[in-house]
Amino acid sequence: MTVRRRTFLQLLGGAGLAAALPGCSLLEEQQTGEMVPSRARLPRRFSVPLPVPPVARPVRSTAEADFYSITQRAADVELLPGLSTPILGYDGIFPGPTIVSRSGRRTVVEHRNELTVPTVVHLHGGHTPAASDGGPLDLVLPVGGDDGTFAVHEGGEVTMGRREYDYPITQRAATLWYHDHRMDFTGAAIYRGLAGFHLVHDDVEDALPLPREDRDIPLMLVDRSFDEDGALQYPAVDPMMHDQPGVDADHLEGVLGDVILVNGAPWPVLEVAAVRYRFRVLNAANARGFELALRPNPARGFVQIGSDGGLLEAPVEHATLRIAPGERMDVVVDFTEFAPGTEVTVVNLLGSGSTDAVMRFRVTRRQSDDTAVPARLSEVKPLQAPDEVTREFRFLRRRLPGGQGWSINGLTYDPMRVDAEIPLDRVERWRLVTDVHHPVHVHLDPFQVLRRGPHGPGPYDGGWKDTLDLRGGESADIAVRFRDYAGHYVLHCHNLEHEDLSMMATLAIG
């Protein structure tokens, strides 16, 4: 087993700042990235039905826990009609199977790695012990072990072939997701398909008259680019994902695709009744931000009921919905005012050309509706943060010997270095500062947004967050408290190319 790390500094040579990061500018406030144009013939939009990921069934249950088994394997699937696309999939599908948990009841998921590369599984938004958090060094090697071609690092807990992830689920109802988190290769792995939903329910949510069952629909939004034969185009330095991290110099700012997929389908259409629906919107793209709008727009637009960490205190109406990579927003859309035959298109105000639309709803029938969005949804107790900033994290480009890179507080990620030691159960005020657009994700526990620059929280900052959409040249103060679990966790940018090229820091909790 070899122990080595080749950083992006070895890959870039001496490219200058502007040449290395052509898409980065303080004017790029909404997203940072460079397009990879498809070579495949793209399908007609709104011609493919929206698929809904299957719900996983436990392989066994006890009085306290449900046990699941997922196999990570390569598969050929039809994403673009008529073409076969090789993917890396949880159970060979994209998105992976949806796991549904109950707050207060353990969920144990065994992952078996039948791929040709190591993996790590992170439950994004999970309040999880460090051993099951999916730290970037905690590799699951392929069945058959390490053949010496993989970068394996000191400090990680490496397992052969399979690993059990034990989730206590001592958290409120929320829309979570699980995805690969292997150091240096997260962007390539998720782009190729390693992502799925994990939904948590509780009694508070169940008591509300919200839409449920077949009118409670998860929507995973990504952008991808395709070669002529249907293969995914990702500009990796090492297409085999063995030991050389990162992307080519043209895409250091982030990889953008020109095909919008929702639950793995290009620009799909969903037939709906003229009633209320709940949509759990997840931006699982590598770098693309979305600003969603409905055309025609219902009277109340998007009614947001939940954020990353679960239900808001009260619903918030939005004419548009701005969502960055890693973020989730639960919204209710009311189709009751539309006559059968109406088509409602979800457009993307941050897109152009093929990326200016996401999907379409087709109203097909009238139907009775006994659901509602109550004026009060849940209790969100404010964290009592100190007036003074406890610590600051600056997310910046940095000119380094031999190339350009991404840094936090001037440092690139070193898995053997602790960047902050943080006590359990202490509320801190953190200040997050950016140069270009960076969606910032914190593991273990959600936080509350206190202010953006000199102003209060933004329109999408309510409730509990674990990923914060920070635009170019922006700063924000957040209130953070870590509970229950001591150990090493990470803080990073959820632009996956930034993360893989070292915009990550280690937090020693407790």
Protein backbone atom coordinates (compact mmCIF):
# COMPACT_ATOMS: atom_id res chain seq x y z
CA MET A 1 0.00 0.00 0.00
CA THR A 2 1.59 3.26 -1.10
CA VAL A 3 1.22 6.50 0.84
CA ARG A 4 1.48 9.60 -1.31
CA ARG A 5 -0.35 12.80 -2.25
CA ARG A 6 0.07 14.64 -5.55
CA THR A 7 -1.51 18.04 -5.26
CA PHE A 8 -2.63 20.36 -8.02
CA LEU A 9 0.66 22.25 -7.58
CA GLN A 10 2.37 19.46 -9.50
CA LEU A 11 -0.27 19.45 -12.21
CA LEU A 12 -0.55 23.06 -13.28
CA GLY A 13 2.99 24.20 -13.94
CA GLY A 14 3.51 27.96 -13.88
CA ALA A 15 0.26 29.22 -15.41
CA GLY A 16 -0.61 32.77 -14.47
CA LEU A 17 -3.69 33.70 -12.46
CA ALA A 18 -5.85 34.92 -15.34
CA ALA A 19 -4.84 32.09 -17.64
CA ALA A 20 -5.36 29.40 -15.01
CA LEU A 21 -8.75 30.68 -13.93
CA PRO A 22 -10.35 32.28 -17.01
CA GLY A 23 -13.89 32.06 -15.65
CA CYS A 24 -13.11 33.64 -12.28
CA SER A 25 -13.99 37.27 -11.75
CA LEU A 26 -15.59 39.28 -9.00
CA LEU A 27 -18.37 39.80 -11.55
CA GLU A 28 -19.11 36.06 -11.38
CA GLU A 29 -21.28 36.39 -8.30
CA GLN A 30 -23.74 33.55 -8.88
CA GLN A 31 -21.50 30.67 -9.98
CA THR A 32 -17.92 30.03 -10.94
CA GLY A 33 -17.08 27.58 -13.70
CA GLU A 34 -16.24 26.85 -17.32
CA MET A 35 -18.47 24.99 -19.77
CA VAL A 36 -17.65 21.60 -21.29
CA PRO A 37 -19.69 21.49 -24.54
CA SER A 38 -21.39 18.23 -25.43
CA ARG A 39 -20.60 16.43 -28.68
CA ALA A 40 -23.73 14.28 -28.52
CA ARG A 41 -26.93 15.24 -30.27
CA LEU A 42 -29.14 16.57 -27.49
CA PRO A 43 -32.78 15.50 -27.15
CA ARG A 44 -35.81 17.71 -27.54
CA ARG A 45 -36.59 19.32 -24.21
CA PHE A 46 -39.62 18.30 -22.14
CA SER A 47 -40.03 14.99 -23.94
CA VAL A 48 -38.77 12.58 -21.25
CA PRO A 49 -40.92 11.68 -18.19
CA LEU A 50 -39.48 12.61 -14.80
CA PRO A 51 -38.17 9.49 -13.04
CA VAL A 52 -38.36 9.23 -9.25
CA PRO A 53 -35.50 7.33 -7.57
CA PRO A 54 -36.63 4.03 -6.00
CA VAL A 55 -36.88 3.82 -2.22
CA ALA A 56 -34.46 1.30 -0.71
CA ARG A 57 -35.86 -1.50 1.43
CA PRO A 58 -34.08 -2.66 4.59
CA VAL A 59 -32.41 -6.06 4.36
CA ARG A 60 -33.37 -6.55 8.01
CA SER A 61 -34.75 -4.58 10.96
CA THR A 62 -34.55 -4.81 14.73
CA ALA A 63 -36.45 -2.99 17.47
CA GLU A 64 -33.91 -0.14 17.30
CA ALA A 65 -32.50 -0.04 13.77
CA ASP A 66 -32.97 -0.63 10.06
CA PHE A 67 -30.14 -2.17 8.02
CA TYR A 68 -29.53 -1.50 4.34
CA SER A 69 -27.09 -2.84 1.79
CA ILE A 70 -25.92 -0.87 -1.26
CA THR A 71 -23.49 -2.04 -3.91
CA GLN A 72 -21.37 0.54 -5.70
CA ARG A 73 -20.89 -0.71 -9.24
CA ALA A 74 -20.37 0.41 -12.80
CA ALA A 75 -23.34 0.26 -15.14
CA ASP A 76 -24.53 1.43 -18.53
CA VAL A 77 -27.72 3.49 -18.29
CA GLU A 78 -29.82 5.56 -20.67
CA LEU A 79 -29.61 9.21 -19.65
CA LEU A 80 -29.96 10.67 -23.15
CA PRO A 81 -32.64 8.84 -25.17
CA GLY A 82 -31.12 6.22 -27.44
CA LEU A 83 -27.60 6.45 -25.99
CA SER A 84 -25.86 4.32 -23.37
CA THR A 85 -23.87 6.16 -20.69
CA PRO A 86 -21.34 4.39 -18.45
CA ILE A 87 -21.78 5.53 -14.84
CA LEU A 88 -20.58 4.74 -11.35
CA GLY A 89 -23.78 4.11 -9.43
CA TYR A 90 -25.12 3.16 -6.05
CA ASP A 91 -26.78 -0.16 -6.94
CA GLY A 92 -25.84 0.73 -10.50
CA ILE A 93 -28.36 3.56 -10.89
CA PHE A 94 -28.30 7.35 -10.92
CA PRO A 95 -29.49 8.82 -8.67
CA GLY A 96 -28.91 6.03 -6.17
CA PRO A 97 -31.76 4.49 -4.18
CA THR A 98 -33.44 6.83 -1.69
CA ILE A 99 -33.00 5.83 1.94
CA VAL A 100 -35.83 6.87 4.27
CA SER A 101 -35.14 7.12 8.01
CA ARG A 102 -37.11 7.95 11.13
CA SER A 103 -35.72 10.47 13.62
CA GLY A 104 -34.62 8.60 16.74
CA ARG A 105 -34.18 5.28 14.95
CA ARG A 106 -30.74 4.09 13.82
CA THR A 107 -30.03 3.51 10.16
CA VAL A 108 -27.07 1.29 9.26
CA VAL A 109 -25.96 1.18 5.63
CA GLU A 110 -23.37 -1.30 4.38
CA HIS A 111 -21.66 -0.17 1.18
CA ARG A 112 -19.87 -2.76 -0.93
CA ASN A 113 -17.38 -1.34 -3.43
CA GLU A 114 -17.39 -3.29 -6.69
CA LEU A 115 -15.88 -0.38 -8.62
CA THR A 116 -12.26 -0.15 -9.76
CA VAL A 117 -11.46 2.85 -7.52
CA PRO A 118 -11.68 3.62 -3.80
CA THR A 119 -14.74 5.43 -2.49
CA VAL A 120 -15.94 7.27 0.61
CA VAL A 121 -19.63 7.80 1.50
CA HIS A 122 -20.61 11.07 3.18
CA LEU A 123 -24.13 11.66 4.51
CA HIS A 124 -24.44 15.34 3.65
CA GLY A 125 -26.39 17.05 6.42
CA GLY A 126 -26.11 14.07 8.76
CA HIS A 127 -25.50 14.51 12.49
CA THR A 128 -23.10 11.61 12.48
CA PRO A 129 -20.18 10.22 14.54
CA ALA A 130 -16.81 10.85 12.91
CA ALA A 131 -16.30 7.16 12.11
CA SER A 132 -19.38 7.21 9.85
CA ASP A 133 -19.20 10.79 8.58
CA GLY A 134 -17.32 9.84 5.43
CA GLY A 135 -14.12 11.75 6.02
CA PRO A 136 -12.05 12.19 2.85
CA LEU A 137 -9.33 9.75 3.99
CA ASP A 138 -11.63 6.93 5.15
CA LEU A 139 -11.47 4.89 1.97
CA VAL A 140 -13.38 1.78 1.02
CA LEU A 141 -11.03 0.00 -1.35
CA PRO A 142 -12.47 -2.05 -4.20
CA VAL A 143 -13.33 -5.67 -3.58
CA GLY A 144 -9.97 -7.41 -4.01
CA GLY A 145 -8.03 -4.65 -2.23
CA ASP A 146 -5.32 -2.16 -3.19
CA ASP A 147 -3.22 -2.93 -6.24
CA GLY A 148 -0.77 -0.13 -5.45
CA THR A 149 -2.13 2.34 -8.01
CA PHE A 150 -4.37 4.30 -5.64
CA ALA A 151 -3.38 7.27 -3.50
CA VAL A 152 -3.93 6.04 0.07
CA HIS A 153 -3.13 8.45 2.88
CA GLU A 154 -1.90 8.27 6.44
CA GLY A 155 -4.52 9.14 9.01
CA GLY A 156 -7.49 7.49 7.30
CA GLU A 157 -9.39 4.39 8.31
CA VAL A 158 -9.15 2.19 5.22
CA THR A 159 -11.41 -0.84 4.79
CA MET A 160 -11.29 -3.55 2.16
CA GLY A 161 -14.32 -4.10 -0.03
CA ARG A 162 -17.07 -2.94 2.27
CA ARG A 163 -17.90 -0.64 5.17
CA GLU A 164 -20.82 -0.12 7.54
CA TYR A 165 -21.96 3.46 8.08
CA ASP A 166 -23.90 3.77 11.34
CA TYR A 167 -26.27 6.77 11.49
CA PRO A 168 -28.00 7.43 14.86
CA ILE A 169 -30.50 9.80 13.12
CA THR A 170 -30.80 11.94 16.26
CA GLN A 171 -31.89 14.95 14.21
CA ARG A 172 -35.01 16.62 12.93
CA ALA A 173 -36.77 15.73 9.70
CA ALA A 174 -34.78 16.96 6.70
CA THR A 175 -33.80 16.32 3.10
CA LEU A 176 -30.28 14.88 3.22
CA TRP A 177 -28.20 13.28 0.49
CA TYR A 178 -25.32 10.85 0.34
CA HIS A 179 -22.41 11.07 -2.05
CA ASP A 180 -18.80 10.16 -2.60
CA HIS A 181 -16.25 12.20 -0.63
CA ARG A 182 -12.88 10.66 -1.53
CA MET A 183 -10.08 13.18 -1.19
CA ASP A 184 -9.06 14.73 -4.53
CA PHE A 185 -11.71 12.83 -6.54
CA THR A 186 -15.10 13.94 -5.21
CA GLY A 187 -15.91 15.97 -8.32
CA ALA A 188 -15.17 13.14 -10.74
CA ALA A 189 -17.01 10.54 -8.64
CA ILE A 190 -20.22 12.56 -8.19
CA TYR A 191 -20.14 13.66 -11.85
CA ARG A 192 -20.06 9.99 -12.83
CA GLY A 193 -23.07 9.19 -10.66
CA LEU A 194 -22.29 8.56 -6.98
CA ALA A 195 -25.12 10.51 -5.36
CA GLY A 196 -28.52 9.71 -3.83
CA PHE A 197 -31.20 11.03 -1.46
CA HIS A 198 -31.54 10.21 2.24
CA LEU A 199 -34.79 11.53 3.74
CA VAL A 200 -35.49 11.85 7.47
CA HIS A 201 -39.05 12.03 8.87
CA ASP A 202 -40.29 12.90 12.36
CA ASP A 203 -43.51 13.45 14.32
CA VAL A 204 -43.43 17.24 13.94
CA GLU A 205 -43.42 17.02 10.16
CA ASP A 206 -45.99 14.20 10.11
CA ALA A 207 -48.46 16.32 12.08
CA LEU A 208 -48.53 19.01 9.37
CA PRO A 209 -51.09 18.88 6.50
CA LEU A 210 -48.35 19.07 3.85
CA PRO A 211 -48.47 17.13 0.57
CA ARG A 212 -47.14 13.61 1.02
CA GLU A 213 -46.62 10.23 -0.64
CA ASP A 214 -46.78 10.57 -4.45
CA ARG A 215 -47.07 14.36 -4.10
CA ASP A 216 -43.81 14.59 -2.09
CA ILE A 217 -41.16 14.36 -4.81
CA PRO A 218 -37.36 14.70 -4.56
CA LEU A 219 -35.69 16.58 -7.43
CA MET A 220 -31.92 16.17 -7.89
CA LEU A 221 -30.61 18.89 -10.23
CA VAL A 222 -27.26 18.43 -12.02
CA ASP A 223 -25.64 19.54 -15.25
CA ARG A 224 -23.60 17.16 -17.40
CA SER A 225 -21.93 17.06 -20.81
CA PHE A 226 -21.90 14.07 -23.15
CA ASP A 227 -19.63 12.69 -25.84
CA GLU A 228 -21.02 11.49 -29.19
CA ASP A 229 -21.41 7.93 -27.90
CA GLY A 230 -23.22 9.03 -24.72
CA ALA A 231 -20.22 8.89 -22.37
CA LEU A 232 -19.95 11.62 -19.77
CA GLN A 233 -17.35 14.29 -20.52
CA TYR A 234 -15.34 15.31 -17.46
CA PRO A 235 -11.95 17.03 -17.92
CA ALA A 236 -10.07 14.99 -15.31
CA VAL A 237 -6.29 15.00 -15.24
CA ASP A 238 -6.51 11.29 -14.40
CA PRO A 239 -9.57 9.77 -16.13
CA MET A 240 -8.93 6.48 -14.32
CA MET A 241 -9.30 8.29 -10.94
CA HIS A 242 -6.24 6.56 -9.51
CA ASP A 243 -3.77 9.03 -8.01
CA GLN A 244 -3.60 12.36 -9.88
CA PRO A 245 -6.27 14.76 -8.63
CA GLY A 246 -8.09 17.56 -10.30
CA VAL A 247 -9.11 18.82 -13.72
CA ASP A 248 -7.27 20.47 -16.58
CA ALA A 249 -6.16 24.08 -16.26
CA ASP A 250 -9.18 25.39 -18.20
CA HIS A 251 -11.63 24.09 -15.60
CA LEU A 252 -9.99 24.86 -12.25
CA GLU A 253 -12.80 27.28 -11.49
CA GLY A 254 -15.43 24.53 -11.84
CA VAL A 255 -16.97 22.21 -14.43
CA LEU A 256 -20.26 23.25 -16.05
CA GLY A 257 -22.30 20.98 -18.34
CA ASP A 258 -24.75 21.95 -21.07
CA VAL A 259 -27.41 19.31 -20.32
CA ILE A 260 -29.67 19.77 -17.29
CA LEU A 261 -30.66 16.47 -15.69
CA VAL A 262 -33.39 16.13 -13.07
CA ASN A 263 -33.30 12.76 -11.31
CA GLY A 264 -31.07 11.61 -14.16
CA ALA A 265 -33.43 12.67 -17.00
CA PRO A 266 -32.72 15.56 -19.45
CA TRP A 267 -35.21 18.44 -19.14
CA PRO A 268 -38.01 16.07 -18.02
CA VAL A 269 -41.75 16.60 -17.80
CA LEU A 270 -44.00 15.64 -14.88
CA GLU A 271 -47.77 15.29 -15.19
CA VAL A 272 -49.46 16.81 -12.14
CA ALA A 273 -52.99 17.32 -10.88
CA ALA A 274 -54.25 20.83 -10.10
CA VAL A 275 -53.28 20.46 -6.42
CA ARG A 276 -50.34 21.26 -4.13
CA TYR A 277 -47.07 19.35 -4.43
CA ARG A 278 -44.01 19.27 -2.23
CA PHE A 279 -40.67 19.24 -4.04
CA ARG A 280 -37.39 18.50 -2.27
CA VAL A 281 -34.96 20.41 -4.47
CA LEU A 282 -31.29 19.40 -4.26
CA ASN A 283 -28.54 21.08 -6.24
CA ALA A 284 -26.07 18.20 -6.72
CA ALA A 285 -24.16 19.91 -9.55
CA ASN A 286 -20.40 20.20 -9.34
CA ALA A 287 -20.28 23.96 -9.79
CA ARG A 288 -23.51 25.26 -11.34
CA GLY A 289 -25.84 27.47 -9.37
CA PHE A 290 -29.50 27.68 -10.30
CA GLU A 291 -32.04 30.47 -9.97
CA LEU A 292 -35.34 28.76 -10.61
CA ALA A 293 -38.54 30.47 -11.70
CA LEU A 294 -41.95 29.20 -12.83
CA ARG A 295 -43.47 30.30 -16.15
CA PRO A 296 -46.35 31.03 -15.77
CA ASN A 297 -45.83 31.78 -12.11
CA PRO A 298 -48.45 30.69 -9.53
CA ALA A 299 -49.79 33.46 -7.31
CA ARG A 300 -47.55 32.40 -4.41
CA GLY A 301 -44.60 31.22 -6.52
CA PHE A 302 -42.39 28.81 -4.59
CA VAL A 303 -43.47 28.49 -0.97
CA GLN A 304 -40.34 27.43 0.89
CA ILE A 305 -41.06 25.23 3.90
CA GLY A 306 -37.63 23.74 4.56
CA SER A 307 -33.92 24.28 4.20
CA ASP A 308 -30.80 22.10 4.53
CA GLY A 309 -31.53 21.25 8.17
CA GLY A 310 -35.29 20.73 7.93
CA LEU A 311 -38.46 22.75 8.36
CA LEU A 312 -38.42 26.52 8.68
CA GLU A 313 -40.34 28.21 11.48
CA ALA A 314 -42.76 29.68 8.97
CA PRO A 315 -43.19 29.41 5.19
CA VAL A 316 -41.49 31.96 2.93
CA GLU A 317 -42.78 32.87 -0.53
CA HIS A 318 -40.23 33.32 -3.33
CA ALA A 319 -40.73 34.50 -6.88
CA THR A 320 -37.45 32.74 -7.70
CA LEU A 321 -35.42 30.09 -5.92
CA ARG A 322 -31.64 30.53 -5.85
CA ILE A 323 -29.80 27.34 -4.90
CA ALA A 324 -26.06 26.62 -4.88
CA PRO A 325 -24.23 23.28 -5.11
CA GLY A 326 -24.89 21.20 -1.99
CA GLU A 327 -27.96 23.15 -0.87
CA ARG A 328 -31.46 21.76 -0.43
CA MET A 329 -34.75 23.64 -0.35
CA ASP A 330 -38.14 22.07 0.31
CA VAL A 331 -40.89 23.98 -1.47
CA VAL A 332 -44.62 23.67 -2.09
CA VAL A 333 -45.99 24.61 -5.51
CA ASP A 334 -49.75 25.17 -5.79
CA PHE A 335 -51.13 24.18 -9.19
CA THR A 336 -54.80 24.69 -8.20
CA GLU A 337 -55.12 27.93 -10.20
CA PHE A 338 -54.09 26.24 -13.47
CA ALA A 339 -56.61 24.63 -15.81
CA PRO A 340 -55.93 21.16 -17.17
CA GLY A 341 -53.75 21.45 -20.25
CA THR A 342 -51.57 24.21 -18.77
CA GLU A 343 -47.83 23.71 -19.00
CA VAL A 344 -45.66 25.28 -16.28
CA THR A 345 -41.95 25.46 -17.11
CA VAL A 346 -39.16 25.66 -14.53
CA VAL A 347 -36.63 28.07 -16.03
CA ASN A 348 -33.10 28.82 -14.85
CA LEU A 349 -32.39 32.53 -14.76
CA LEU A 350 -28.65 31.87 -14.36
CA GLY A 351 -28.53 29.72 -17.49
CA SER A 352 -28.36 30.49 -21.19
CA GLY A 353 -28.91 28.43 -24.31
CA SER A 354 -29.56 24.83 -23.35
CA THR A 355 -29.23 25.56 -19.60
CA ASP A 356 -31.95 28.22 -19.40
CA ALA A 357 -34.64 25.66 -18.55
CA VAL A 358 -34.78 22.76 -16.10
CA MET A 359 -38.06 20.84 -16.46
CA ARG A 360 -41.79 21.22 -17.10
CA PHE A 361 -45.02 20.40 -15.25
CA ARG A 362 -48.08 19.47 -17.30
CA VAL A 363 -51.40 19.96 -15.48
CA THR A 364 -53.63 17.10 -16.58
CA ARG A 365 -56.67 16.98 -14.27
CA ARG A 366 -58.67 18.47 -11.44
CA GLN A 367 -58.49 16.72 -8.08
CA SER A 368 -59.62 17.37 -4.51
CA ASP A 369 -56.89 18.61 -2.19
CA ASP A 370 -57.02 18.54 1.61
CA THR A 371 -53.41 19.71 2.08
CA ALA A 372 -52.30 23.12 3.33
CA VAL A 373 -49.20 25.08 4.27
CA PRO A 374 -49.73 26.21 7.86
CA ALA A 375 -48.52 29.59 9.07
CA ARG A 376 -46.29 27.87 11.65
CA LEU A 377 -44.19 24.87 10.65
CA SER A 378 -41.73 24.16 13.48
CA GLU A 379 -39.63 25.71 16.22
CA VAL A 380 -36.17 26.99 15.34
CA LYS A 381 -34.46 28.21 18.49
CA PRO A 382 -31.89 30.94 17.78
CA LEU A 383 -28.32 30.16 18.79
CA GLN A 384 -27.01 32.81 21.18
CA ALA A 385 -23.79 33.69 19.41
CA PRO A 386 -21.22 36.10 20.86
CA ASP A 387 -21.05 39.62 19.43
CA GLU A 388 -17.39 39.23 18.53
CA VAL A 389 -16.15 36.94 15.77
CA THR A 390 -14.71 33.75 17.27
CA ARG A 391 -12.83 32.68 14.14
CA GLU A 392 -12.64 33.62 10.47
CA PHE A 393 -12.33 31.44 7.37
CA ARG A 394 -11.25 33.11 4.13
CA PHE A 395 -11.98 31.22 0.89
CA LEU A 396 -9.53 32.61 -1.65
CA ARG A 397 -7.46 31.91 -4.73
CA ARG A 398 -3.79 31.78 -3.93
CA ARG A 399 -0.67 32.15 -6.05
CA LEU A 400 1.60 29.30 -5.04
CA PRO A 401 5.02 28.09 -6.16
CA GLY A 402 4.47 26.19 -9.38
CA GLY A 403 0.86 27.14 -10.01
CA GLN A 404 -2.47 28.49 -8.81
CA GLY A 405 -4.86 26.96 -6.33
CA TRP A 406 -7.69 27.38 -3.87
CA SER A 407 -7.09 27.96 -0.18
CA ILE A 408 -8.75 28.53 3.20
CA ASN A 409 -6.94 31.13 5.29
CA GLY A 410 -4.05 30.97 2.85
CA LEU A 411 -3.53 27.23 3.33
CA THR A 412 -4.26 24.37 0.98
CA TYR A 413 -5.69 21.17 2.43
CA ASP A 414 -3.27 19.01 4.38
CA PRO A 415 -5.04 15.97 5.87
CA MET A 416 -2.39 15.70 8.61
CA ARG A 417 -2.94 19.28 9.83
CA VAL A 418 -5.70 20.44 12.20
CA ASP A 419 -6.89 23.89 11.16
CA ALA A 420 -9.21 24.64 14.10
CA GLU A 421 -9.82 23.07 17.51
CA ILE A 422 -13.42 23.60 18.59
CA PRO A 423 -15.02 22.58 21.90
CA LEU A 424 -18.28 20.67 21.97
CA ASP A 425 -21.48 22.54 22.90
CA ARG A 426 -19.98 26.03 22.60
CA VAL A 427 -21.72 28.54 20.34
CA GLU A 428 -19.24 30.40 18.17
CA ARG A 429 -19.56 33.21 15.64
CA TRP A 430 -17.70 32.46 12.44
CA ARG A 431 -17.03 34.89 9.64
CA LEU A 432 -16.81 33.42 6.14
CA VAL A 433 -15.14 35.57 3.46
CA THR A 434 -14.87 34.85 -0.28
CA ASP A 435 -13.19 36.19 -3.39
CA VAL A 436 -15.35 34.51 -6.06
CA HIS A 437 -18.46 32.39 -5.64
CA HIS A 438 -18.00 29.63 -3.02
CA PRO A 439 -20.81 27.51 -1.51
CA VAL A 440 -19.41 26.68 1.95
CA HIS A 441 -20.33 23.34 3.60
CA VAL A 442 -19.75 22.40 7.25
CA HIS A 443 -19.87 18.77 8.38
CA LEU A 444 -21.45 17.37 11.61
CA ASP A 445 -23.97 20.09 12.52
CA PRO A 446 -25.99 22.81 10.80
CA PHE A 447 -25.59 26.49 11.57
CA GLN A 448 -27.67 29.66 11.54
CA VAL A 449 -26.93 32.68 9.35
CA LEU A 450 -26.61 35.89 11.36
CA ARG A 451 -25.78 38.41 8.67
CA ARG A 452 -24.41 38.98 5.18
CA GLY A 453 -21.97 41.88 5.13
CA PRO A 454 -23.62 44.81 6.94
CA HIS A 455 -27.12 43.37 6.48
CA GLY A 456 -29.18 40.62 8.05
CA PRO A 457 -29.64 37.13 6.62
CA GLY A 458 -30.61 36.83 2.98
CA PRO A 459 -34.02 35.64 1.71
CA TYR A 460 -32.87 31.99 1.47
CA ASP A 461 -30.88 31.91 4.74
CA GLY A 462 -33.66 31.03 7.17
CA GLY A 463 -33.70 28.02 9.48
CA TRP A 464 -30.84 25.57 9.83
CA LYS A 465 -28.20 25.54 7.08
CA ASP A 466 -25.22 23.30 6.40
CA THR A 467 -24.23 24.88 3.07
CA LEU A 468 -24.08 28.64 2.54
CA ASP A 469 -24.17 30.26 -0.88
CA LEU A 470 -21.57 33.04 -0.77
CA ARG A 471 -21.17 35.21 -3.84
CA GLY A 472 -18.05 36.95 -5.08
CA GLY A 473 -16.49 39.39 -2.61
CA GLU A 474 -19.06 38.59 0.08
CA SER A 475 -18.75 37.87 3.80
CA ALA A 476 -21.23 36.32 6.19
CA ASP A 477 -21.43 35.65 9.92
CA ILE A 478 -22.86 32.34 11.08
CA ALA A 479 -23.63 30.88 14.52
CA VAL A 480 -22.17 27.39 14.93
CA ARG A 481 -22.50 24.78 17.69
CA PHE A 482 -21.25 21.19 17.52
CA ARG A 483 -22.94 18.55 19.66
CA ASP A 484 -22.50 14.96 20.79
CA TYR A 485 -19.60 13.69 18.71
CA ALA A 486 -15.88 14.41 19.09
CA GLY A 487 -13.45 13.77 16.27
CA HIS A 488 -12.10 15.17 13.04
CA TYR A 489 -14.53 16.70 10.54
CA VAL A 490 -14.07 19.00 7.56
CA LEU A 491 -15.18 22.39 6.29
CA HIS A 492 -14.92 22.96 2.53
CA CYS A 493 -16.19 24.64 -0.59
CA HIS A 494 -18.92 22.61 -2.32
CA ASN A 495 -17.80 23.69 -5.74
CA LEU A 496 -16.35 20.22 -6.16
CA GLU A 497 -13.42 21.29 -8.33
CA HIS A 498 -12.45 23.81 -5.64
CA GLU A 499 -12.76 21.12 -2.97
CA ASP A 500 -10.66 18.61 -4.92
CA LEU A 501 -8.02 21.26 -5.53
CA SER A 502 -7.52 21.75 -1.80
CA MET A 503 -10.19 24.21 -0.58
CA MET A 504 -10.85 22.16 2.56
CA ALA A 505 -9.88 22.40 6.24
CA THR A 506 -9.87 19.96 9.16
CA LEU A 507 -11.85 20.75 12.31
CA ALA A 508 -10.97 18.90 15.51
CA ILE A 509 -14.25 18.85 17.44
CA GLY A 510 -14.18 18.27 21.16
